[in-house]
Amino acid sequence: MVLKFFLFFLVLISFSTFAETLTKEENIYFSFIDLNNDNNISFNEADQILKLIFQLLDEDNNKMITKEEIIELKNIIISLS
């Protein structure tokens, strides 16, 4: 589950191999996942966000996410930046 979350997180953000700071967009993603704003992402926070995202995307509650639902997430993320 954690591996899936981090793969999901890495797909959503672009980063430099030798970056020293997060971009504005990456800070938005980090802040979204850091639910208690302690500048750390715990396993529980990652798990909660993954479940929340899945629930938000799975509009028909069929326990599956379609490509169309992913496109909707992509458009939401783009609107945040």
N, C-alpha and C. Protein backbone atom coordinates (compact mmCIF):
# COMPACT_ATOMS: atom_id res chain seq x y z
N MET A 1 0.83 -1.19 0.00
CA MET A 1 0.00 0.00 0.00
C MET A 1 0.87 1.25 0.00
N VAL A 2 1.90 1.28 0.83
CA VAL A 2 2.78 2.45 0.90
C VAL A 2 3.51 2.62 -0.43
N LEU A 3 3.97 1.51 -1.00
CA LEU A 3 4.66 1.58 -2.27
C LEU A 3 3.76 2.16 -3.35
N LYS A 4 2.51 1.74 -3.39
CA LYS A 4 1.56 2.27 -4.36
C LYS A 4 1.39 3.77 -4.17
N PHE A 5 1.30 4.20 -2.92
CA PHE A 5 1.13 5.63 -2.64
C PHE A 5 2.31 6.43 -3.15
N PHE A 6 3.53 5.98 -2.84
CA PHE A 6 4.70 6.74 -3.25
C PHE A 6 4.87 6.73 -4.76
N LEU A 7 4.52 5.63 -5.41
CA LEU A 7 4.55 5.61 -6.87
C LEU A 7 3.55 6.62 -7.42
N PHE A 8 2.37 6.66 -6.82
CA PHE A 8 1.35 7.63 -7.21
C PHE A 8 1.86 9.05 -7.01
N PHE A 9 2.46 9.31 -5.87
CA PHE A 9 3.00 10.63 -5.55
C PHE A 9 4.08 11.02 -6.54
N LEU A 10 4.99 10.10 -6.87
CA LEU A 10 6.07 10.40 -7.80
C LEU A 10 5.55 10.66 -9.21
N VAL A 11 4.50 9.98 -9.60
CA VAL A 11 3.92 10.20 -10.92
C VAL A 11 3.32 11.60 -11.00
N LEU A 12 2.76 12.07 -9.92
CA LEU A 12 2.09 13.37 -9.94
C LEU A 12 3.04 14.56 -9.93
N ILE A 13 4.25 14.36 -9.42
CA ILE A 13 5.17 15.49 -9.33
C ILE A 13 6.37 15.27 -10.23
N SER A 14 6.91 16.34 -10.71
CA SER A 14 8.17 16.26 -11.44
C SER A 14 9.24 16.83 -10.52
N PHE A 15 10.44 16.23 -10.58
CA PHE A 15 11.49 16.72 -9.71
C PHE A 15 12.85 16.48 -10.33
N SER A 16 13.80 17.25 -9.91
CA SER A 16 15.17 17.10 -10.36
C SER A 16 15.89 16.11 -9.45
N THR A 17 16.79 15.33 -10.01
CA THR A 17 17.53 14.35 -9.23
C THR A 17 18.33 15.01 -8.12
N PHE A 18 18.81 16.22 -8.36
CA PHE A 18 19.66 16.89 -7.39
C PHE A 18 19.01 18.14 -6.82
N ALA A 19 17.71 18.14 -6.70
CA ALA A 19 16.99 19.31 -6.20
C ALA A 19 17.29 19.53 -4.72
N GLU A 20 17.36 20.79 -4.34
CA GLU A 20 17.56 21.15 -2.94
C GLU A 20 16.29 21.65 -2.29
N THR A 21 15.33 22.06 -3.08
CA THR A 21 14.07 22.55 -2.55
C THR A 21 12.92 21.99 -3.39
N LEU A 22 11.72 22.07 -2.85
CA LEU A 22 10.55 21.66 -3.59
C LEU A 22 10.03 22.83 -4.42
N THR A 23 9.48 22.53 -5.57
CA THR A 23 8.85 23.57 -6.38
C THR A 23 7.54 23.97 -5.72
N LYS A 24 6.93 25.03 -6.22
CA LYS A 24 5.65 25.48 -5.70
C LYS A 24 4.61 24.36 -5.81
N GLU A 25 4.59 23.70 -6.96
CA GLU A 25 3.64 22.61 -7.20
C GLU A 25 3.89 21.44 -6.23
N GLU A 26 5.15 21.09 -6.03
CA GLU A 26 5.49 19.99 -5.12
C GLU A 26 5.12 20.34 -3.68
N ASN A 27 5.30 21.60 -3.29
CA ASN A 27 4.89 22.04 -1.96
C ASN A 27 3.38 21.91 -1.76
N ILE A 28 2.62 22.18 -2.81
CA ILE A 28 1.16 22.02 -2.73
C ILE A 28 0.82 20.56 -2.46
N TYR A 29 1.45 19.65 -3.22
CA TYR A 29 1.19 18.22 -3.02
C TYR A 29 1.59 17.77 -1.62
N PHE A 30 2.77 18.22 -1.18
CA PHE A 30 3.24 17.84 0.14
C PHE A 30 2.28 18.33 1.22
N SER A 31 1.86 19.58 1.11
CA SER A 31 0.94 20.15 2.09
C SER A 31 -0.40 19.43 2.11
N PHE A 32 -0.84 18.99 0.94
CA PHE A 32 -2.09 18.25 0.84
C PHE A 32 -2.00 16.92 1.58
N ILE A 33 -0.85 16.28 1.52
CA ILE A 33 -0.67 14.97 2.15
C ILE A 33 -0.33 15.10 3.64
N ASP A 34 0.38 16.16 4.02
CA ASP A 34 0.78 16.39 5.41
C ASP A 34 -0.42 16.94 6.18
N LEU A 35 -1.31 16.05 6.57
CA LEU A 35 -2.59 16.46 7.16
C LEU A 35 -2.47 17.26 8.45
N ASN A 36 -1.47 16.97 9.28
CA ASN A 36 -1.33 17.69 10.55
C ASN A 36 -0.31 18.83 10.47
N ASN A 37 0.18 19.13 9.27
CA ASN A 37 1.09 20.25 9.03
C ASN A 37 2.34 20.23 9.91
N ASP A 38 2.90 19.04 10.13
CA ASP A 38 4.12 18.96 10.93
C ASP A 38 5.38 18.82 10.05
N ASN A 39 5.23 19.05 8.75
CA ASN A 39 6.32 18.96 7.78
C ASN A 39 6.89 17.55 7.66
N ASN A 40 6.07 16.56 7.97
CA ASN A 40 6.42 15.15 7.79
C ASN A 40 5.19 14.44 7.27
N ILE A 41 5.39 13.42 6.46
CA ILE A 41 4.28 12.61 5.99
C ILE A 41 4.42 11.23 6.64
N SER A 42 3.49 10.94 7.53
CA SER A 42 3.51 9.65 8.22
C SER A 42 2.80 8.59 7.37
N PHE A 43 3.01 7.34 7.72
CA PHE A 43 2.31 6.25 7.05
C PHE A 43 0.80 6.46 7.14
N ASN A 44 0.32 6.84 8.32
CA ASN A 44 -1.12 7.04 8.50
C ASN A 44 -1.66 8.16 7.61
N GLU A 45 -0.90 9.25 7.48
CA GLU A 45 -1.33 10.34 6.60
C GLU A 45 -1.37 9.86 5.14
N ALA A 46 -0.34 9.15 4.74
CA ALA A 46 -0.30 8.63 3.36
C ALA A 46 -1.47 7.69 3.11
N ASP A 47 -1.74 6.83 4.05
CA ASP A 47 -2.83 5.87 3.94
C ASP A 47 -4.18 6.60 3.87
N GLN A 48 -4.36 7.59 4.72
CA GLN A 48 -5.61 8.36 4.73
C GLN A 48 -5.82 9.10 3.42
N ILE A 49 -4.77 9.72 2.90
CA ILE A 49 -4.89 10.46 1.65
C ILE A 49 -5.18 9.52 0.49
N LEU A 50 -4.50 8.39 0.44
CA LEU A 50 -4.74 7.43 -0.63
C LEU A 50 -6.19 6.94 -0.60
N LYS A 51 -6.70 6.63 0.58
CA LYS A 51 -8.10 6.21 0.70
C LYS A 51 -9.05 7.34 0.30
N LEU A 52 -8.74 8.56 0.72
CA LEU A 52 -9.58 9.71 0.38
C LEU A 52 -9.60 9.94 -1.13
N ILE A 53 -8.43 9.92 -1.75
CA ILE A 53 -8.36 10.13 -3.19
C ILE A 53 -9.14 9.04 -3.92
N PHE A 54 -8.97 7.80 -3.48
CA PHE A 54 -9.69 6.70 -4.12
C PHE A 54 -11.20 6.90 -3.99
N GLN A 55 -11.65 7.28 -2.81
CA GLN A 55 -13.08 7.49 -2.60
C GLN A 55 -13.61 8.64 -3.45
N LEU A 56 -12.82 9.71 -3.55
CA LEU A 56 -13.24 10.85 -4.35
C LEU A 56 -13.31 10.52 -5.83
N LEU A 57 -12.38 9.72 -6.30
CA LEU A 57 -12.34 9.38 -7.72
C LEU A 57 -13.36 8.32 -8.10
N ASP A 58 -13.61 7.40 -7.22
CA ASP A 58 -14.52 6.29 -7.52
C ASP A 58 -15.96 6.77 -7.39
N GLU A 59 -16.38 7.57 -8.35
CA GLU A 59 -17.69 8.22 -8.27
C GLU A 59 -18.85 7.23 -8.25
N ASP A 60 -18.70 6.10 -8.92
CA ASP A 60 -19.79 5.13 -8.97
C ASP A 60 -19.66 4.05 -7.88
N ASN A 61 -18.68 4.21 -6.99
CA ASN A 61 -18.47 3.31 -5.86
C ASN A 61 -18.37 1.83 -6.25
N ASN A 62 -17.68 1.58 -7.37
CA ASN A 62 -17.52 0.19 -7.81
C ASN A 62 -16.17 -0.41 -7.43
N LYS A 63 -15.42 0.30 -6.57
CA LYS A 63 -14.11 -0.14 -6.07
C LYS A 63 -13.07 -0.22 -7.19
N MET A 64 -13.30 0.53 -8.27
CA MET A 64 -12.35 0.63 -9.38
C MET A 64 -12.31 2.08 -9.86
N ILE A 65 -11.14 2.49 -10.34
CA ILE A 65 -10.99 3.84 -10.89
C ILE A 65 -10.73 3.71 -12.38
N THR A 66 -11.52 4.44 -13.16
CA THR A 66 -11.39 4.41 -14.62
C THR A 66 -10.41 5.48 -15.09
N LYS A 67 -10.03 5.40 -16.35
CA LYS A 67 -9.17 6.42 -16.95
C LYS A 67 -9.85 7.78 -16.89
N GLU A 68 -11.13 7.80 -17.10
CA GLU A 68 -11.87 9.06 -17.06
C GLU A 68 -11.80 9.69 -15.68
N GLU A 69 -11.86 8.86 -14.65
CA GLU A 69 -11.77 9.38 -13.28
C GLU A 69 -10.36 9.91 -13.01
N ILE A 70 -9.33 9.29 -13.57
CA ILE A 70 -7.95 9.77 -13.42
C ILE A 70 -7.80 11.12 -14.13
N ILE A 71 -8.40 11.24 -15.30
CA ILE A 71 -8.35 12.51 -16.03
C ILE A 71 -8.97 13.62 -15.19
N GLU A 72 -10.04 13.31 -14.50
CA GLU A 72 -10.66 14.30 -13.62
C GLU A 72 -9.71 14.71 -12.50
N LEU A 73 -9.00 13.74 -11.91
CA LEU A 73 -8.00 14.06 -10.88
C LEU A 73 -6.91 14.94 -11.46
N LYS A 74 -6.44 14.61 -12.64
CA LYS A 74 -5.40 15.40 -13.29
C LYS A 74 -5.85 16.85 -13.46
N ASN A 75 -7.08 17.04 -13.88
CA ASN A 75 -7.59 18.39 -14.07
C ASN A 75 -7.70 19.14 -12.73
N ILE A 76 -8.04 18.44 -11.66
CA ILE A 76 -8.09 19.06 -10.34
C ILE A 76 -6.69 19.50 -9.91
N ILE A 77 -5.71 18.64 -10.12
CA ILE A 77 -4.33 18.96 -9.74
C ILE A 77 -3.82 20.14 -10.54
N ILE A 78 -4.11 20.15 -11.83
CA ILE A 78 -3.68 21.28 -12.67
C ILE A 78 -4.29 22.57 -12.17
N SER A 79 -5.53 22.52 -11.75
CA SER A 79 -6.19 23.75 -11.26
C SER A 79 -5.59 24.25 -9.95
N LEU A 80 -4.94 23.38 -9.18
CA LEU A 80 -4.32 23.79 -7.92
C LEU A 80 -3.01 24.53 -8.13
N SER A 81 -2.37 24.32 -9.27
CA SER A 81 -1.05 24.94 -9.48
C SER A 81 -1.14 26.31 -10.08
